[in-house]
Structure formats: C-alpha cells, structure tokens
Amino acid sequence: QQQQQQQQGNASARTLWVGQIPPSVSEDQLLRCFRRYGDVVSHCLIRASSCAFIDFLSHASAADAKRALAGTPMGQPPQPIRVEWRSESKGHHTPKAPPPHIPA
C-alpha cells in the first residue's frame, strides 16, 4: 500500500521533482511543457543538479503532468526526463520544527 501511495502521491501534493534535464533545455521550454497540464504557481530550476521543482496550483494538474511527461525525451540529443513527486530526500522541502525539548 505504501508503494501504491508513493506512485499516486499524496492527494495534497502539488510539487513535482524533475530530473535528468539536459543542459540544452531552457527554463522556458521546460515550463511550457508543464504549463500544458495546469497552472504552475512556482518553479525552481537547479542547473548544477540538472533538476527542477515545479509547483502546481492543484494536485490534479501535477498528477496529469507527471503521468504525461515522465520519460519524455527532451533536449539535443534527446534524453528522457524523470518526473517524481517531490520528497524531502530530494532536498527541497519546508523545514520541520525542531523536536520539543524534554528535560532529563
């Protein structure tokens, strides 16, 4: 069940991690591809890591983009991009509050 949940993503998740973006793909090209599936409210392209984070207005739009674009060849020479739900292990996340202090 956990694997199925990871494949579908959290119903409130709206942010996709996009990896293996070829250097020849411009930020505008990338955004044009993703905006076909819904409103993008923010994005962050990290050239040094060949990845991006794309934040959609709705989960449904993000899910549609993930389904449609995962494995899509981009750039010259064409290279398939990876599209996954953003996870904290990918390094782009909201910091969590520190654990409460428990006196000894």
Protein backbone atom coordinates (compact mmCIF):
# COMPACT_ATOMS: atom_id res chain seq x y z
CA GLN A 1 0.00 0.00 0.00
CA GLN A 2 2.87 2.40 0.79
CA GLN A 3 4.33 1.80 -2.66
CA GLN A 4 0.94 2.49 -4.25
CA GLN A 5 0.63 5.72 -2.24
CA GLN A 6 4.11 6.79 -3.39
CA GLN A 7 3.17 6.09 -7.01
CA GLN A 8 -0.02 8.15 -6.75
CA GLY A 9 1.44 10.79 -4.47
CA ASN A 10 -0.21 12.40 -1.51
CA ALA A 11 -3.61 13.77 -2.51
CA SER A 12 -2.49 17.21 -1.33
CA ALA A 13 0.90 17.06 -3.08
CA ARG A 14 1.31 19.65 -5.81
CA THR A 15 5.06 19.76 -6.36
CA LEU A 16 6.98 17.63 -8.84
CA TRP A 17 10.68 16.94 -8.92
CA VAL A 18 12.01 16.80 -12.49
CA GLY A 19 15.39 15.18 -13.01
CA GLN A 20 17.88 14.45 -15.79
CA ILE A 21 17.11 17.73 -17.52
CA PRO A 22 19.57 18.13 -20.41
CA PRO A 23 21.61 21.37 -20.41
CA SER A 24 20.16 22.23 -23.84
CA VAL A 25 16.62 22.58 -22.37
CA SER A 26 15.81 26.18 -21.44
CA GLU A 27 13.75 27.19 -18.44
CA ASP A 28 11.05 28.48 -20.81
CA GLN A 29 10.92 25.19 -22.73
CA LEU A 30 10.56 23.25 -19.51
CA LEU A 31 7.80 25.49 -18.18
CA ARG A 32 5.89 25.42 -21.48
CA CYS A 33 5.76 21.62 -21.26
CA PHE A 34 4.46 21.60 -17.70
CA ARG A 35 2.03 24.51 -18.07
CA ARG A 36 0.07 22.47 -20.62
CA TYR A 37 -1.29 20.47 -17.67
CA GLY A 38 -2.32 23.31 -15.37
CA ASP A 39 -1.33 26.47 -13.56
CA VAL A 40 2.25 26.50 -12.30
CA VAL A 41 2.48 28.70 -9.21
CA SER A 42 6.26 28.46 -8.75
CA HIS A 43 9.32 26.69 -10.06
CA CYS A 44 12.99 26.33 -9.32
CA LEU A 45 15.48 25.12 -11.94
CA ILE A 46 18.76 23.91 -10.45
CA ARG A 47 21.18 23.71 -13.38
CA ALA A 48 24.05 22.32 -11.30
CA SER A 49 21.93 19.29 -10.42
CA SER A 50 20.09 19.04 -13.77
CA CYS A 51 16.77 19.12 -11.94
CA ALA A 52 13.81 21.35 -11.19
CA PHE A 53 10.88 21.64 -8.82
CA ILE A 54 7.55 22.55 -10.38
CA ASP A 55 4.72 23.58 -8.04
CA PHE A 56 1.20 23.39 -9.47
CA LEU A 57 -1.94 25.09 -8.22
CA SER A 58 -3.69 21.71 -7.87
CA HIS A 59 -2.79 18.10 -7.20
CA ALA A 60 -4.80 17.00 -10.25
CA SER A 61 -2.71 19.18 -12.58
CA ALA A 62 0.53 17.89 -11.06
CA ALA A 63 -0.66 14.29 -11.37
CA ASP A 64 -1.62 14.82 -15.04
CA ALA A 65 1.78 16.35 -15.80
CA LYS A 66 3.60 13.53 -14.01
CA ARG A 67 1.68 10.86 -15.92
CA ALA A 68 2.16 12.56 -19.27
CA LEU A 69 5.74 13.77 -19.04
CA ALA A 70 7.64 11.07 -17.14
CA GLY A 71 10.17 9.60 -19.56
CA THR A 72 9.57 12.26 -22.22
CA PRO A 73 12.71 12.85 -24.32
CA MET A 74 13.88 16.46 -24.16
CA GLY A 75 16.85 18.43 -25.43
CA GLN A 76 19.52 17.72 -28.03
CA PRO A 77 20.41 14.93 -28.08
CA PRO A 78 17.04 13.79 -26.68
CA GLN A 79 17.24 12.42 -23.14
CA PRO A 80 14.25 11.14 -21.15
CA ILE A 81 13.43 13.28 -18.12
CA ARG A 82 12.41 11.86 -14.75
CA VAL A 83 9.27 13.20 -13.09
CA GLU A 84 8.51 12.25 -9.50
CA TRP A 85 6.60 13.66 -6.57
CA ARG A 86 8.78 16.00 -4.54
CA SER A 87 10.14 14.32 -1.44
CA GLU A 88 12.17 15.61 1.45
CA SER A 89 15.05 13.38 0.37
CA LYS A 90 15.32 15.48 -2.82
CA GLY A 91 16.42 18.42 -0.65
CA HIS A 92 13.66 20.92 -1.46
CA HIS A 93 11.23 20.99 1.40
CA THR A 94 9.70 23.06 4.12
CA PRO A 95 11.83 22.79 7.25
CA LYS A 96 10.20 20.95 10.10
CA ALA A 97 10.05 22.38 13.59
CA PRO A 98 12.76 21.05 15.90
CA PRO A 99 11.67 18.33 18.32
CA PRO A 100 10.39 19.66 21.64
CA HIS A 101 12.93 19.90 24.43
CA ILE A 102 12.37 17.17 27.01
CA PRO A 103 14.12 17.83 30.32
CA ALA A 104 16.22 14.95 31.64
